[in-house]
Amino acid sequence: MLQIDVDPVLVGIVVVLLAFIFLVYLFLRRTVTAFKEGMQGK
């Protein structure tokens, strides 16, 4: 059985970073989409 000792604090930091990056991606995508629609005059 493979057992890997993982620091819970490190796992928490990685999860928070991934969630932050994902939210920034969604925000930027929404901003770019709204900007394109604004430029098209919709």
PDB file of N, CA and C in Angstrom:
ATOM      1  N   MET A   1       0.851  -1.196   0.000  1.00  0.00           N
ATOM      2  CA  MET A   1       0.000   0.000   0.000  1.00  0.00           C
ATOM      3  C   MET A   1       0.886   1.246   0.000  1.00  0.00           C
ATOM      4  N   LEU A   2       0.607   2.115  -0.930  1.00  0.00           N
ATOM      5  CA  LEU A   2       1.399   3.342  -1.049  1.00  0.00           C
ATOM      6  C   LEU A   2       0.830   4.401  -0.110  1.00  0.00           C
ATOM      7  N   GLN A   3       1.681   4.884   0.775  1.00  0.00           N
ATOM      8  CA  GLN A   3       1.236   5.898   1.725  1.00  0.00           C
ATOM      9  C   GLN A   3       2.120   7.130   1.577  1.00  0.00           C
ATOM     10  N   ILE A   4       1.480   8.248   1.342  1.00  0.00           N
ATOM     11  CA  ILE A   4       2.217   9.508   1.167  1.00  0.00           C
ATOM     12  C   ILE A   4       1.789  10.459   2.270  1.00  0.00           C
ATOM     13  N   ASP A   5       2.754  10.958   3.014  1.00  0.00           N
ATOM     14  CA  ASP A   5       2.443  11.937   4.062  1.00  0.00           C
ATOM     15  C   ASP A   5       2.292  13.312   3.424  1.00  0.00           C
ATOM     16  N   VAL A   6       1.079  13.852   3.515  1.00  0.00           N
ATOM     17  CA  VAL A   6       0.793  15.159   2.920  1.00  0.00           C
ATOM     18  C   VAL A   6       0.436  16.126   4.034  1.00  0.00           C
ATOM     19  N   ASP A   7       1.043  17.289   3.985  1.00  0.00           N
ATOM     20  CA  ASP A   7       0.774  18.312   4.991  1.00  0.00           C
ATOM     21  C   ASP A   7      -0.595  18.955   4.711  1.00  0.00           C
ATOM     22  N   PRO A   8      -1.531  18.865   5.637  1.00  0.00           N
ATOM     23  CA  PRO A   8      -2.871  19.448   5.407  1.00  0.00           C
ATOM     24  C   PRO A   8      -2.828  20.941   5.101  1.00  0.00           C
ATOM     25  N   VAL A   9      -1.887  21.653   5.705  1.00  0.00           N
ATOM     26  CA  VAL A   9      -1.773  23.094   5.442  1.00  0.00           C
ATOM     27  C   VAL A   9      -1.377  23.330   3.988  1.00  0.00           C
ATOM     28  N   LEU A  10      -0.446  22.525   3.488  1.00  0.00           N
ATOM     29  CA  LEU A  10      -0.015  22.661   2.094  1.00  0.00           C
ATOM     30  C   LEU A  10      -1.170  22.355   1.143  1.00  0.00           C
ATOM     31  N   VAL A  11      -1.933  21.322   1.446  1.00  0.00           N
ATOM     32  CA  VAL A  11      -3.090  20.974   0.616  1.00  0.00           C
ATOM     33  C   VAL A  11      -4.089  22.129   0.617  1.00  0.00           C
ATOM     34  N   GLY A  12      -4.325  22.721   1.788  1.00  0.00           N
ATOM     35  CA  GLY A  12      -5.252  23.850   1.876  1.00  0.00           C
ATOM     36  C   GLY A  12      -4.791  25.037   1.047  1.00  0.00           C
ATOM     37  N   ILE A  13      -3.495  25.325   1.101  1.00  0.00           N
ATOM     38  CA  ILE A  13      -2.942  26.442   0.322  1.00  0.00           C
ATOM     39  C   ILE A  13      -3.118  26.188  -1.166  1.00  0.00           C
ATOM     40  N   VAL A  14      -2.839  24.968  -1.612  1.00  0.00           N
ATOM     41  CA  VAL A  14      -2.974  24.629  -3.034  1.00  0.00           C
ATOM     42  C   VAL A  14      -4.431  24.746  -3.477  1.00  0.00           C
ATOM     43  N   VAL A  15      -5.352  24.261  -2.648  1.00  0.00           N
ATOM     44  CA  VAL A  15      -6.781  24.346  -2.993  1.00  0.00           C
ATOM     45  C   VAL A  15      -7.225  25.802  -3.100  1.00  0.00           C
ATOM     46  N   VAL A  16      -6.794  26.626  -2.157  1.00  0.00           N
ATOM     47  CA  VAL A  16      -7.164  28.047  -2.193  1.00  0.00           C
ATOM     48  C   VAL A  16      -6.582  28.722  -3.434  1.00  0.00           C
ATOM     49  N   LEU A  17      -5.341  28.407  -3.775  1.00  0.00           N
ATOM     50  CA  LEU A  17      -4.726  29.002  -4.963  1.00  0.00           C
ATOM     51  C   LEU A  17      -5.460  28.580  -6.232  1.00  0.00           C
ATOM     52  N   LEU A  18      -5.799  27.308  -6.338  1.00  0.00           N
ATOM     53  CA  LEU A  18      -6.512  26.843  -7.525  1.00  0.00           C
ATOM     54  C   LEU A  18      -7.890  27.494  -7.628  1.00  0.00           C
ATOM     55  N   ALA A  19      -8.587  27.628  -6.517  1.00  0.00           N
ATOM     56  CA  ALA A  19      -9.894  28.272  -6.524  1.00  0.00           C
ATOM     57  C   ALA A  19      -9.766  29.742  -6.935  1.00  0.00           C
ATOM     58  N   PHE A  20      -8.729  30.419  -6.434  1.00  0.00           N
ATOM     59  CA  PHE A  20      -8.509  31.828  -6.770  1.00  0.00           C
ATOM     60  C   PHE A  20      -8.230  31.986  -8.263  1.00  0.00           C
ATOM     61  N   ILE A  21      -7.364  31.125  -8.805  1.00  0.00           N
ATOM     62  CA  ILE A  21      -7.035  31.187 -10.229  1.00  0.00           C
ATOM     63  C   ILE A  21      -8.283  30.941 -11.076  1.00  0.00           C
ATOM     64  N   PHE A  22      -9.114  29.962 -10.637  1.00  0.00           N
ATOM     65  CA  PHE A  22     -10.336  29.658 -11.378  1.00  0.00           C
ATOM     66  C   PHE A  22     -11.289  30.853 -11.369  1.00  0.00           C
ATOM     67  N   LEU A  23     -11.456  31.496 -10.223  1.00  0.00           N
ATOM     68  CA  LEU A  23     -12.351  32.654 -10.135  1.00  0.00           C
ATOM     69  C   LEU A  23     -11.834  33.818 -10.975  1.00  0.00           C
ATOM     70  N   VAL A  24     -10.515  34.032 -10.978  1.00  0.00           N
ATOM     71  CA  VAL A  24      -9.944  35.101 -11.803  1.00  0.00           C
ATOM     72  C   VAL A  24     -10.191  34.807 -13.276  1.00  0.00           C
ATOM     73  N   TYR A  25     -10.039  33.527 -13.664  1.00  0.00           N
ATOM     74  CA  TYR A  25     -10.298  33.144 -15.058  1.00  0.00           C
ATOM     75  C   TYR A  25     -11.743  33.444 -15.449  1.00  0.00           C
ATOM     76  N   LEU A  26     -12.695  33.065 -14.582  1.00  0.00           N
ATOM     77  CA  LEU A  26     -14.104  33.319 -14.883  1.00  0.00           C
ATOM     78  C   LEU A  26     -14.381  34.817 -14.983  1.00  0.00           C
ATOM     79  N   PHE A  27     -13.792  35.601 -14.070  1.00  0.00           N
ATOM     80  CA  PHE A  27     -14.001  37.046 -14.078  1.00  0.00           C
ATOM     81  C   PHE A  27     -13.454  37.672 -15.361  1.00  0.00           C
ATOM     82  N   LEU A  28     -12.244  37.271 -15.747  1.00  0.00           N
ATOM     83  CA  LEU A  28     -11.639  37.829 -16.960  1.00  0.00           C
ATOM     84  C   LEU A  28     -12.429  37.419 -18.198  1.00  0.00           C
ATOM     85  N   ARG A  29     -12.907  36.170 -18.239  1.00  0.00           N
ATOM     86  CA  ARG A  29     -13.674  35.713 -19.389  1.00  0.00           C
ATOM     87  C   ARG A  29     -14.969  36.516 -19.519  1.00  0.00           C
ATOM     88  N   ARG A  30     -15.631  36.762 -18.374  1.00  0.00           N
ATOM     89  CA  ARG A  30     -16.871  37.532 -18.405  1.00  0.00           C
ATOM     90  C   ARG A  30     -16.590  38.976 -18.843  1.00  0.00           C
ATOM     91  N   THR A  31     -15.493  39.529 -18.361  1.00  0.00           N
ATOM     92  CA  THR A  31     -15.145  40.902 -18.724  1.00  0.00           C
ATOM     93  C   THR A  31     -14.864  41.025 -20.216  1.00  0.00           C
ATOM     94  N   VAL A  32     -14.095  40.089 -20.759  1.00  0.00           N
ATOM     95  CA  VAL A  32     -13.767  40.119 -22.189  1.00  0.00           C
ATOM     96  C   VAL A  32     -15.025  39.926 -23.031  1.00  0.00           C
ATOM     97  N   THR A  33     -15.903  39.028 -22.606  1.00  0.00           N
ATOM     98  CA  THR A  33     -17.144  38.808 -23.343  1.00  0.00           C
ATOM     99  C   THR A  33     -18.002  40.070 -23.359  1.00  0.00           C
ATOM    100  N   ALA A  34     -18.123  40.722 -22.206  1.00  0.00           N
ATOM    101  CA  ALA A  34     -18.914  41.955 -22.146  1.00  0.00           C
ATOM    102  C   ALA A  34     -18.279  43.056 -22.991  1.00  0.00           C
ATOM    103  N   PHE A  35     -16.937  43.113 -22.993  1.00  0.00           N
ATOM    104  CA  PHE A  35     -16.250  44.127 -23.791  1.00  0.00           C
ATOM    105  C   PHE A  35     -16.492  43.894 -25.270  1.00  0.00           C
ATOM    106  N   LYS A  36     -16.429  42.638 -25.721  1.00  0.00           N
ATOM    107  CA  LYS A  36     -16.679  42.336 -27.139  1.00  0.00           C
ATOM    108  C   LYS A  36     -18.102  42.702 -27.525  1.00  0.00           C
ATOM    109  N   GLU A  37     -19.065  42.369 -26.659  1.00  0.00           N
ATOM    110  CA  GLU A  37     -20.457  42.701 -26.964  1.00  0.00           C
ATOM    111  C   GLU A  37     -20.647  44.220 -27.004  1.00  0.00           C
ATOM    112  N   GLY A  38     -19.952  44.935 -26.128  1.00  0.00           N
ATOM    113  CA  GLY A  38     -20.038  46.394 -26.125  1.00  0.00           C
ATOM    114  C   GLY A  38     -19.455  46.993 -27.386  1.00  0.00           C
ATOM    115  N   MET A  39     -18.371  46.417 -27.866  1.00  0.00           N
ATOM    116  CA  MET A  39     -17.743  46.933 -29.090  1.00  0.00           C
ATOM    117  C   MET A  39     -18.605  46.658 -30.310  1.00  0.00           C
ATOM    118  N   GLN A  40     -19.407  45.589 -30.253  1.00  0.00           N
ATOM    119  CA  GLN A  40     -20.275  45.256 -31.381  1.00  0.00           C
ATOM    120  C   GLN A  40     -21.562  46.085 -31.359  1.00  0.00           C
ATOM    121  N   GLY A  41     -21.765  46.860 -30.309  1.00  0.00           N
ATOM    122  CA  GLY A  41     -22.927  47.734 -30.238  1.00  0.00           C
ATOM    123  C   GLY A  41     -24.188  47.039 -29.780  1.00  0.00           C
ATOM    124  N   LYS A  42     -24.066  45.909 -29.112  1.00  0.00           N
ATOM    125  CA  LYS A  42     -25.253  45.193 -28.637  1.00  0.00           C
ATOM    126  C   LYS A  42     -25.724  45.783 -27.324  1.00  0.00           C
TER     127      LYS A  42
END
